[in-house]
Amino acid sequence: MAEYPKWNYEAPHIPFELINKPLMVVVEFYKEHVGRDVSGGRLKPTEYWFLMHGFLISAVQSYAAIRILLAEKRPQRLMLQAAILSRSLLETLANVLALSEAPKKRSRILLRESFRNQALRLLNWHQRFHHEDKWKGYLQVHAKCLKQWAREIHLSRSAEKNPGSI
């Protein structure tokens, strides 16, 4: 009978020191320039660069979490959790690539879809919790933020009132 391969239970050494410093320099450079140049109106379309800024922050936070999960100082490295976060990084990259193919059009689609999901979630919460006093303040603030968001992404009033139609 054939012998099965042996599992390797030792985690490989990952040289984060080699990656971390140059990566953080690049991240700080882009955070500074995107934030400044979007506000100054030099980067167009604004929605695209706003989303890119958010994806950059998301990717850096995921990378930091992966580093913590795989740190050699931990009693036990959490490989599965790090793998899940690695997948999140790949999804972020896929979103960036998809948006980059048609920045104006796809940014608008993503923003409208995000608004729709948040508005439907608010409607669901309102139906479930509107009678509880501890939720009223939160629901009012959430509704106010959604109203502002709808104005910023230029939604029609009918789409704002009926998010399922988006």
N, C-alpha and C. Protein backbone atom coordinates (compact mmCIF):
# COMPACT_ATOMS: atom_id res chain seq x y z
N MET A 1 0.84 -1.18 0.00
CA MET A 1 0.00 0.00 0.00
C MET A 1 0.88 1.24 0.00
N ALA A 2 0.47 2.24 -0.75
CA ALA A 2 1.27 3.47 -0.88
C ALA A 2 1.26 4.24 0.44
N GLU A 3 2.37 4.86 0.71
CA GLU A 3 2.49 5.64 1.94
C GLU A 3 1.98 7.07 1.67
N TYR A 4 1.16 7.58 2.59
CA TYR A 4 0.61 8.92 2.46
C TYR A 4 1.67 9.96 2.80
N PRO A 5 1.56 11.12 2.19
CA PRO A 5 2.53 12.18 2.54
C PRO A 5 2.32 12.63 3.98
N LYS A 6 3.38 13.06 4.59
CA LYS A 6 3.31 13.53 5.98
C LYS A 6 2.93 15.01 5.99
N TRP A 7 2.06 15.37 6.92
CA TRP A 7 1.66 16.76 7.09
C TRP A 7 2.78 17.54 7.73
N ASN A 8 3.00 18.72 7.27
CA ASN A 8 3.98 19.61 7.87
C ASN A 8 3.24 20.54 8.82
N TYR A 9 3.53 20.42 10.09
CA TYR A 9 2.83 21.23 11.08
C TYR A 9 3.58 22.51 11.43
N GLU A 10 4.72 22.70 10.86
CA GLU A 10 5.50 23.90 11.11
C GLU A 10 5.09 24.98 10.11
N ALA A 11 4.78 26.14 10.61
CA ALA A 11 4.43 27.26 9.74
C ALA A 11 5.70 27.83 9.11
N PRO A 12 5.63 28.19 7.86
CA PRO A 12 6.82 28.76 7.22
C PRO A 12 7.14 30.14 7.80
N HIS A 13 8.39 30.48 7.79
CA HIS A 13 8.80 31.80 8.24
C HIS A 13 8.49 32.81 7.13
N ILE A 14 7.78 33.85 7.50
CA ILE A 14 7.40 34.87 6.53
C ILE A 14 8.17 36.14 6.88
N PRO A 15 9.02 36.63 5.99
CA PRO A 15 9.85 37.80 6.31
C PRO A 15 9.06 39.11 6.17
N PHE A 16 8.17 39.37 7.13
CA PHE A 16 7.38 40.59 7.07
C PHE A 16 8.25 41.85 7.12
N GLU A 17 9.43 41.72 7.75
CA GLU A 17 10.31 42.89 7.86
C GLU A 17 10.71 43.41 6.48
N LEU A 18 10.89 42.49 5.53
CA LEU A 18 11.28 42.89 4.17
C LEU A 18 10.15 43.61 3.45
N ILE A 19 8.94 43.23 3.76
CA ILE A 19 7.77 43.76 3.05
C ILE A 19 7.24 45.02 3.73
N ASN A 20 7.26 45.02 5.04
CA ASN A 20 6.51 46.02 5.79
C ASN A 20 6.94 47.47 5.53
N LYS A 21 8.23 47.77 5.65
CA LYS A 21 8.66 49.16 5.52
C LYS A 21 8.36 49.75 4.15
N PRO A 22 8.76 49.09 3.04
CA PRO A 22 8.41 49.68 1.73
C PRO A 22 6.90 49.77 1.50
N LEU A 23 6.16 48.78 2.00
CA LEU A 23 4.71 48.81 1.83
C LEU A 23 4.10 49.99 2.56
N MET A 24 4.53 50.24 3.77
CA MET A 24 3.98 51.35 4.54
C MET A 24 4.35 52.71 3.91
N VAL A 25 5.53 52.81 3.32
CA VAL A 25 5.90 54.05 2.63
C VAL A 25 4.95 54.30 1.46
N VAL A 26 4.68 53.26 0.69
CA VAL A 26 3.77 53.39 -0.46
C VAL A 26 2.36 53.73 0.02
N VAL A 27 1.90 53.07 1.07
CA VAL A 27 0.55 53.31 1.59
C VAL A 27 0.42 54.75 2.06
N GLU A 28 1.38 55.23 2.83
CA GLU A 28 1.31 56.61 3.33
C GLU A 28 1.35 57.61 2.17
N PHE A 29 2.17 57.33 1.17
CA PHE A 29 2.24 58.19 -0.01
C PHE A 29 0.87 58.30 -0.68
N TYR A 30 0.23 57.15 -0.92
CA TYR A 30 -1.06 57.18 -1.61
C TYR A 30 -2.17 57.77 -0.74
N LYS A 31 -2.16 57.47 0.54
CA LYS A 31 -3.17 58.06 1.42
C LYS A 31 -3.07 59.58 1.40
N GLU A 32 -1.87 60.08 1.49
CA GLU A 32 -1.65 61.54 1.49
C GLU A 32 -2.07 62.16 0.17
N HIS A 33 -1.59 61.60 -0.94
CA HIS A 33 -1.86 62.20 -2.24
C HIS A 33 -3.30 62.05 -2.68
N VAL A 34 -3.88 60.89 -2.44
CA VAL A 34 -5.28 60.71 -2.83
C VAL A 34 -6.17 61.63 -2.00
N GLY A 35 -5.94 61.67 -0.70
CA GLY A 35 -6.75 62.55 0.15
C GLY A 35 -6.63 64.01 -0.26
N ARG A 36 -5.42 64.47 -0.51
CA ARG A 36 -5.18 65.87 -0.88
C ARG A 36 -5.70 66.17 -2.28
N ASP A 37 -5.40 65.31 -3.24
CA ASP A 37 -5.73 65.61 -4.63
C ASP A 37 -7.21 65.44 -4.94
N VAL A 38 -7.90 64.57 -4.23
CA VAL A 38 -9.35 64.47 -4.42
C VAL A 38 -10.01 65.73 -3.89
N SER A 39 -9.57 66.17 -2.70
CA SER A 39 -10.14 67.40 -2.13
C SER A 39 -9.85 68.60 -3.02
N GLY A 40 -8.68 68.61 -3.64
CA GLY A 40 -8.30 69.72 -4.52
C GLY A 40 -8.92 69.64 -5.90
N GLY A 41 -9.58 68.54 -6.22
CA GLY A 41 -10.24 68.40 -7.51
C GLY A 41 -9.32 67.98 -8.64
N ARG A 42 -8.11 67.53 -8.31
CA ARG A 42 -7.18 67.13 -9.37
C ARG A 42 -7.36 65.69 -9.82
N LEU A 43 -7.99 64.87 -9.01
CA LEU A 43 -8.21 63.48 -9.39
C LEU A 43 -9.68 63.29 -9.74
N LYS A 44 -9.92 62.83 -10.93
CA LYS A 44 -11.29 62.61 -11.40
C LYS A 44 -11.42 61.19 -11.91
N PRO A 45 -12.53 60.55 -11.84
CA PRO A 45 -13.74 60.93 -11.13
C PRO A 45 -13.55 60.80 -9.61
N THR A 46 -14.12 61.71 -8.90
CA THR A 46 -13.95 61.79 -7.45
C THR A 46 -14.43 60.52 -6.76
N GLU A 47 -15.58 59.99 -7.20
CA GLU A 47 -16.12 58.79 -6.55
C GLU A 47 -15.16 57.62 -6.65
N TYR A 48 -14.52 57.48 -7.78
CA TYR A 48 -13.56 56.38 -7.99
C TYR A 48 -12.41 56.49 -7.00
N TRP A 49 -11.84 57.68 -6.90
CA TRP A 49 -10.69 57.84 -6.01
C TRP A 49 -11.09 57.75 -4.55
N PHE A 50 -12.30 58.16 -4.23
CA PHE A 50 -12.82 57.99 -2.87
C PHE A 50 -12.90 56.50 -2.53
N LEU A 51 -13.41 55.71 -3.47
CA LEU A 51 -13.49 54.26 -3.25
C LEU A 51 -12.10 53.63 -3.18
N MET A 52 -11.18 54.09 -4.03
CA MET A 52 -9.81 53.57 -4.00
C MET A 52 -9.16 53.83 -2.63
N HIS A 53 -9.40 55.01 -2.09
CA HIS A 53 -8.88 55.36 -0.78
C HIS A 53 -9.43 54.39 0.28
N GLY A 54 -10.71 54.11 0.21
CA GLY A 54 -11.32 53.16 1.15
C GLY A 54 -10.76 51.75 1.00
N PHE A 55 -10.58 51.31 -0.25
CA PHE A 55 -10.00 49.98 -0.48
C PHE A 55 -8.56 49.91 0.02
N LEU A 56 -7.82 50.99 -0.13
CA LEU A 56 -6.44 51.03 0.37
C LEU A 56 -6.42 50.87 1.89
N ILE A 57 -7.28 51.59 2.58
CA ILE A 57 -7.35 51.48 4.04
C ILE A 57 -7.77 50.07 4.44
N SER A 58 -8.74 49.51 3.75
CA SER A 58 -9.20 48.15 4.03
C SER A 58 -8.07 47.14 3.85
N ALA A 59 -7.31 47.28 2.77
CA ALA A 59 -6.22 46.35 2.49
C ALA A 59 -5.13 46.45 3.56
N VAL A 60 -4.80 47.66 3.98
CA VAL A 60 -3.77 47.83 5.01
C VAL A 60 -4.22 47.22 6.33
N GLN A 61 -5.48 47.41 6.69
CA GLN A 61 -5.98 46.83 7.93
C GLN A 61 -6.00 45.31 7.86
N SER A 62 -6.36 44.75 6.70
CA SER A 62 -6.33 43.29 6.54
C SER A 62 -4.90 42.77 6.64
N TYR A 63 -3.97 43.47 6.01
CA TYR A 63 -2.56 43.07 6.07
C TYR A 63 -2.05 43.11 7.52
N ALA A 64 -2.40 44.16 8.25
CA ALA A 64 -1.97 44.25 9.65
C ALA A 64 -2.55 43.11 10.48
N ALA A 65 -3.80 42.77 10.23
CA ALA A 65 -4.43 41.67 10.96
C ALA A 65 -3.76 40.34 10.62
N ILE A 66 -3.41 40.13 9.37
CA ILE A 66 -2.72 38.90 8.96
C ILE A 66 -1.38 38.81 9.68
N ARG A 67 -0.68 39.92 9.75
CA ARG A 67 0.62 39.93 10.46
C ARG A 67 0.44 39.54 11.92
N ILE A 68 -0.59 40.05 12.56
CA ILE A 68 -0.84 39.71 13.97
C ILE A 68 -1.16 38.23 14.11
N LEU A 69 -1.99 37.71 13.21
CA LEU A 69 -2.37 36.30 13.29
C LEU A 69 -1.21 35.35 13.04
N LEU A 70 -0.23 35.79 12.26
CA LEU A 70 0.91 34.93 11.92
C LEU A 70 2.18 35.29 12.69
N ALA A 71 2.06 36.15 13.68
CA ALA A 71 3.23 36.59 14.42
C ALA A 71 3.91 35.41 15.11
N GLU A 72 5.23 35.43 15.09
CA GLU A 72 6.00 34.35 15.71
C GLU A 72 5.90 34.38 17.24
N LYS A 73 5.53 35.51 17.80
CA LYS A 73 5.42 35.65 19.25
C LYS A 73 4.15 34.99 19.80
N ARG A 74 3.21 34.70 18.93
CA ARG A 74 1.95 34.07 19.38
C ARG A 74 2.21 32.66 19.88
N PRO A 75 1.45 32.23 20.87
CA PRO A 75 1.59 30.84 21.30
C PRO A 75 1.25 29.85 20.19
N GLN A 76 0.26 30.20 19.39
CA GLN A 76 -0.12 29.37 18.26
C GLN A 76 -0.57 30.29 17.13
N ARG A 77 0.01 30.12 15.96
CA ARG A 77 -0.38 30.94 14.82
C ARG A 77 -1.76 30.52 14.34
N LEU A 78 -2.52 31.47 13.92
CA LEU A 78 -3.88 31.21 13.46
C LEU A 78 -3.92 31.24 11.94
N MET A 79 -3.55 30.12 11.35
CA MET A 79 -3.39 30.02 9.90
C MET A 79 -4.71 30.14 9.15
N LEU A 80 -5.76 29.49 9.64
CA LEU A 80 -7.05 29.53 8.95
C LEU A 80 -7.59 30.95 8.90
N GLN A 81 -7.54 31.64 10.03
CA GLN A 81 -8.03 33.01 10.07
C GLN A 81 -7.20 33.91 9.14
N ALA A 82 -5.89 33.70 9.12
CA ALA A 82 -5.03 34.48 8.22
C ALA A 82 -5.36 34.18 6.76
N ALA A 83 -5.68 32.93 6.47
CA ALA A 83 -6.05 32.57 5.09
C ALA A 83 -7.35 33.25 4.68
N ILE A 84 -8.29 33.36 5.61
CA ILE A 84 -9.55 34.04 5.32
C ILE A 84 -9.30 35.51 5.03
N LEU A 85 -8.43 36.13 5.83
CA LEU A 85 -8.11 37.53 5.58
C LEU A 85 -7.32 37.71 4.28
N SER A 86 -6.52 36.72 3.94
CA SER A 86 -5.81 36.77 2.65
C SER A 86 -6.80 36.77 1.50
N ARG A 87 -7.84 35.99 1.65
CA ARG A 87 -8.88 35.99 0.62
C ARG A 87 -9.55 37.35 0.54
N SER A 88 -9.76 37.97 1.69
CA SER A 88 -10.32 39.32 1.71
C SER A 88 -9.43 40.30 0.96
N LEU A 89 -8.12 40.15 1.12
CA LEU A 89 -7.19 41.00 0.36
C LEU A 89 -7.33 40.78 -1.14
N LEU A 90 -7.49 39.53 -1.54
CA LEU A 90 -7.66 39.23 -2.96
C LEU A 90 -8.98 39.80 -3.50
N GLU A 91 -10.03 39.76 -2.69
CA GLU A 91 -11.30 40.34 -3.10
C GLU A 91 -11.19 41.86 -3.24
N THR A 92 -10.41 42.47 -2.35
CA THR A 92 -10.18 43.91 -2.45
C THR A 92 -9.46 44.22 -3.76
N LEU A 93 -8.45 43.43 -4.07
CA LEU A 93 -7.73 43.61 -5.34
C LEU A 93 -8.67 43.43 -6.53
N ALA A 94 -9.53 42.43 -6.46
CA ALA A 94 -10.48 42.21 -7.56
C ALA A 94 -11.43 43.40 -7.71
N ASN A 95 -11.88 43.97 -6.60
CA ASN A 95 -12.74 45.15 -6.67
C ASN A 95 -12.00 46.33 -7.29
N VAL A 96 -10.74 46.51 -6.90
CA VAL A 96 -9.95 47.61 -7.47
C VAL A 96 -9.79 47.42 -8.98
N LEU A 97 -9.48 46.20 -9.39
CA LEU A 97 -9.30 45.94 -10.83
C LEU A 97 -10.60 46.15 -11.59
N ALA A 98 -11.70 45.67 -11.04
CA ALA A 98 -13.00 45.83 -11.71
C ALA A 98 -13.37 47.30 -11.83
N LEU A 99 -13.17 48.07 -10.77
CA LEU A 99 -13.48 49.49 -10.83
C LEU A 99 -12.56 50.23 -11.81
N SER A 100 -11.33 49.77 -11.90
CA SER A 100 -10.35 50.45 -12.75
C SER A 100 -10.64 50.28 -14.24
N GLU A 101 -11.41 49.27 -14.60
CA GLU A 101 -11.74 49.06 -16.01
C GLU A 101 -12.65 50.16 -16.56
N ALA A 102 -13.56 50.62 -15.73
CA ALA A 102 -14.47 51.70 -16.13
C ALA A 102 -14.77 52.52 -14.88
N PRO A 103 -13.84 53.39 -14.47
CA PRO A 103 -13.94 54.06 -13.17
C PRO A 103 -15.25 54.81 -12.92
N LYS A 104 -15.68 55.61 -13.85
CA LYS A 104 -16.87 56.42 -13.60
C LYS A 104 -18.13 55.56 -13.51
N LYS A 105 -18.32 54.70 -14.49
CA LYS A 105 -19.52 53.88 -14.56
C LYS A 105 -19.60 52.89 -13.39
N ARG A 106 -18.52 52.17 -13.14
CA ARG A 106 -18.56 51.13 -12.12
C ARG A 106 -18.54 51.69 -10.71
N SER A 107 -17.94 52.84 -10.51
CA SER A 107 -17.98 53.47 -9.20
C SER A 107 -19.41 53.85 -8.86
N ARG A 108 -20.10 54.39 -9.83
CA ARG A 108 -21.51 54.75 -9.62
C ARG A 108 -22.35 53.51 -9.30
N ILE A 109 -22.11 52.42 -10.02
CA ILE A 109 -22.85 51.18 -9.76
C ILE A 109 -22.58 50.68 -8.34
N LEU A 110 -21.30 50.68 -7.94
CA LEU A 110 -20.94 50.20 -6.60
C LEU A 110 -21.56 51.08 -5.52
N LEU A 111 -21.52 52.38 -5.69
CA LEU A 111 -22.10 53.29 -4.69
C LEU A 111 -23.61 53.11 -4.59
N ARG A 112 -24.27 52.97 -5.72
CA ARG A 112 -25.73 52.77 -5.70
C ARG A 112 -26.10 51.44 -5.05
N GLU A 113 -25.34 50.41 -5.36
CA GLU A 113 -25.61 49.09 -4.77
C GLU A 113 -25.35 49.10 -3.27
N SER A 114 -24.30 49.77 -2.85
CA SER A 114 -24.00 49.89 -1.42
C SER A 114 -25.10 50.65 -0.70
N PHE A 115 -25.56 51.75 -1.32
CA PHE A 115 -26.67 52.50 -0.74
C PHE A 115 -27.90 51.62 -0.61
N ARG A 116 -28.20 50.89 -1.67
CA ARG A 116 -29.37 50.01 -1.66
C ARG A 116 -29.31 49.01 -0.52
N ASN A 117 -28.16 48.37 -0.35
CA ASN A 117 -28.02 47.38 0.72
C ASN A 117 -28.18 48.00 2.09
N GLN A 118 -27.60 49.18 2.31
CA GLN A 118 -27.73 49.84 3.61
C GLN A 118 -29.16 50.31 3.86
N ALA A 119 -29.81 50.81 2.83
CA ALA A 119 -31.18 51.28 2.99
C ALA A 119 -32.13 50.12 3.27
N LEU A 120 -31.94 48.99 2.58
CA LEU A 120 -32.79 47.82 2.85
C LEU A 120 -32.53 47.28 4.25
N ARG A 121 -31.29 47.32 4.70
CA ARG A 121 -30.97 46.90 6.06
C ARG A 121 -31.65 47.80 7.08
N LEU A 122 -31.63 49.11 6.82
CA LEU A 122 -32.31 50.04 7.72
C LEU A 122 -33.81 49.78 7.76
N LEU A 123 -34.42 49.52 6.61
CA LEU A 123 -35.85 49.20 6.59
C LEU A 123 -36.15 47.95 7.39
N ASN A 124 -35.31 46.95 7.26
CA ASN A 124 -35.48 45.72 8.02
C ASN A 124 -35.36 45.99 9.52
N TRP A 125 -34.35 46.73 9.92
CA TRP A 125 -34.18 47.06 11.34
C TRP A 125 -35.35 47.89 11.85
N HIS A 126 -35.81 48.82 11.02
CA HIS A 126 -36.93 49.67 11.44
C HIS A 126 -38.19 48.83 11.67
N GLN A 127 -38.44 47.87 10.80
CA GLN A 127 -39.60 47.01 10.99
C GLN A 127 -39.48 46.18 12.27
N ARG A 128 -38.28 45.75 12.57
CA ARG A 128 -38.08 44.88 13.74
C ARG A 128 -37.99 45.64 15.05
N PHE A 129 -37.39 46.84 15.05
CA PHE A 129 -37.04 47.48 16.31
C PHE A 129 -37.61 48.88 16.51
N HIS A 130 -38.50 49.35 15.62
CA HIS A 130 -38.97 50.73 15.73
C HIS A 130 -39.71 51.02 17.03
N HIS A 131 -40.27 50.02 17.65
CA HIS A 131 -41.03 50.22 18.88
C HIS A 131 -40.15 50.21 20.13
N GLU A 132 -38.88 49.86 20.01
CA GLU A 132 -37.99 49.83 21.17
C GLU A 132 -37.25 51.17 21.29
N ASP A 133 -37.36 51.76 22.48
CA ASP A 133 -36.75 53.08 22.70
C ASP A 133 -35.24 53.09 22.50
N LYS A 134 -34.58 52.01 22.88
CA LYS A 134 -33.11 52.01 22.79
C LYS A 134 -32.62 52.03 21.34
N TRP A 135 -33.48 51.70 20.37
CA TRP A 135 -33.09 51.69 18.96
C TRP A 135 -33.47 52.97 18.24
N LYS A 136 -34.37 53.76 18.79
CA LYS A 136 -34.90 54.93 18.05
C LYS A 136 -33.81 55.91 17.66
N GLY A 137 -32.92 56.24 18.57
CA GLY A 137 -31.84 57.19 18.25
C GLY A 137 -30.94 56.66 17.15
N TYR A 138 -30.57 55.40 17.25
CA TYR A 138 -29.70 54.81 16.24
C TYR A 138 -30.37 54.80 14.88
N LEU A 139 -31.63 54.41 14.84
CA LEU A 139 -32.35 54.36 13.56
C LEU A 139 -32.48 55.75 12.94
N GLN A 140 -32.69 56.77 13.76
CA GLN A 140 -32.80 58.14 13.25
C GLN A 140 -31.47 58.61 12.66
N VAL A 141 -30.38 58.34 13.37
CA VAL A 141 -29.06 58.75 12.87
C VAL A 141 -28.73 58.01 11.58
N HIS A 142 -29.03 56.72 11.53
CA HIS A 142 -28.75 55.93 10.34
C HIS A 142 -29.56 56.46 9.15
N ALA A 143 -30.82 56.80 9.38
CA ALA A 143 -31.67 57.34 8.31
C ALA A 143 -31.12 58.69 7.84
N LYS A 144 -30.67 59.53 8.76
CA LYS A 144 -30.10 60.83 8.40
C LYS A 144 -28.84 60.66 7.54
N CYS A 145 -27.99 59.71 7.92
CA CYS A 145 -26.76 59.45 7.14
C CYS A 145 -27.10 58.94 5.75
N LEU A 146 -28.10 58.07 5.64
CA LEU A 146 -28.49 57.56 4.33
C LEU A 146 -29.06 58.67 3.45
N LYS A 147 -29.79 59.59 4.06
CA LYS A 147 -30.35 60.70 3.30
C LYS A 147 -29.21 61.56 2.72
N GLN A 148 -28.20 61.83 3.54
CA GLN A 148 -27.04 62.60 3.08
C GLN A 148 -26.31 61.85 1.97
N TRP A 149 -26.15 60.54 2.16
CA TRP A 149 -25.46 59.71 1.17
C TRP A 149 -26.21 59.75 -0.17
N ALA A 150 -27.54 59.67 -0.10
CA ALA A 150 -28.36 59.70 -1.33
C ALA A 150 -28.14 61.01 -2.08
N ARG A 151 -28.01 62.12 -1.36
CA ARG A 151 -27.75 63.41 -2.01
C ARG A 151 -26.37 63.42 -2.66
N GLU A 152 -25.38 62.85 -1.97
CA GLU A 152 -24.01 62.87 -2.48
C GLU A 152 -23.85 62.05 -3.75
N ILE A 153 -24.61 60.95 -3.86
CA ILE A 153 -24.48 60.11 -5.06
C ILE A 153 -25.59 60.42 -6.07
N HIS A 154 -26.32 61.50 -5.84
CA HIS A 154 -27.32 62.02 -6.77
C HIS A 154 -28.41 61.01 -7.10
N LEU A 155 -28.97 60.40 -6.06
CA LEU A 155 -30.10 59.49 -6.27
C LEU A 155 -31.38 60.28 -6.42
N SER A 156 -32.28 59.76 -7.19
CA SER A 156 -33.59 60.41 -7.31
C SER A 156 -34.37 60.19 -6.01
N ARG A 157 -35.36 61.04 -5.80
CA ARG A 157 -36.16 60.89 -4.57
C ARG A 157 -36.92 59.56 -4.57
N SER A 158 -37.35 59.13 -5.74
CA SER A 158 -38.09 57.86 -5.79
C SER A 158 -37.16 56.69 -5.44
N ALA A 159 -35.91 56.73 -5.90
CA ALA A 159 -34.97 55.67 -5.55
C ALA A 159 -34.62 55.72 -4.07
N GLU A 160 -34.54 56.93 -3.53
CA GLU A 160 -34.24 57.08 -2.10
C GLU A 160 -35.38 56.51 -1.24
N LYS A 161 -36.60 56.76 -1.65
CA LYS A 161 -37.75 56.27 -0.88
C LYS A 161 -38.01 54.79 -1.10
N ASN A 162 -37.65 54.27 -2.28
CA ASN A 162 -37.84 52.86 -2.59
C ASN A 162 -36.52 52.25 -3.02
N PRO A 163 -35.64 51.90 -2.04
CA PRO A 163 -34.31 51.41 -2.39
C PRO A 163 -34.31 50.09 -3.14
N GLY A 164 -35.38 49.32 -3.02
CA GLY A 164 -35.47 48.07 -3.74
C GLY A 164 -35.51 48.26 -5.26
N SER A 165 -35.86 49.46 -5.69
CA SER A 165 -35.95 49.74 -7.13
C SER A 165 -34.60 50.09 -7.76
N ILE A 166 -33.59 50.25 -6.94
CA ILE A 166 -32.26 50.62 -7.46
C ILE A 166 -31.65 49.45 -8.18
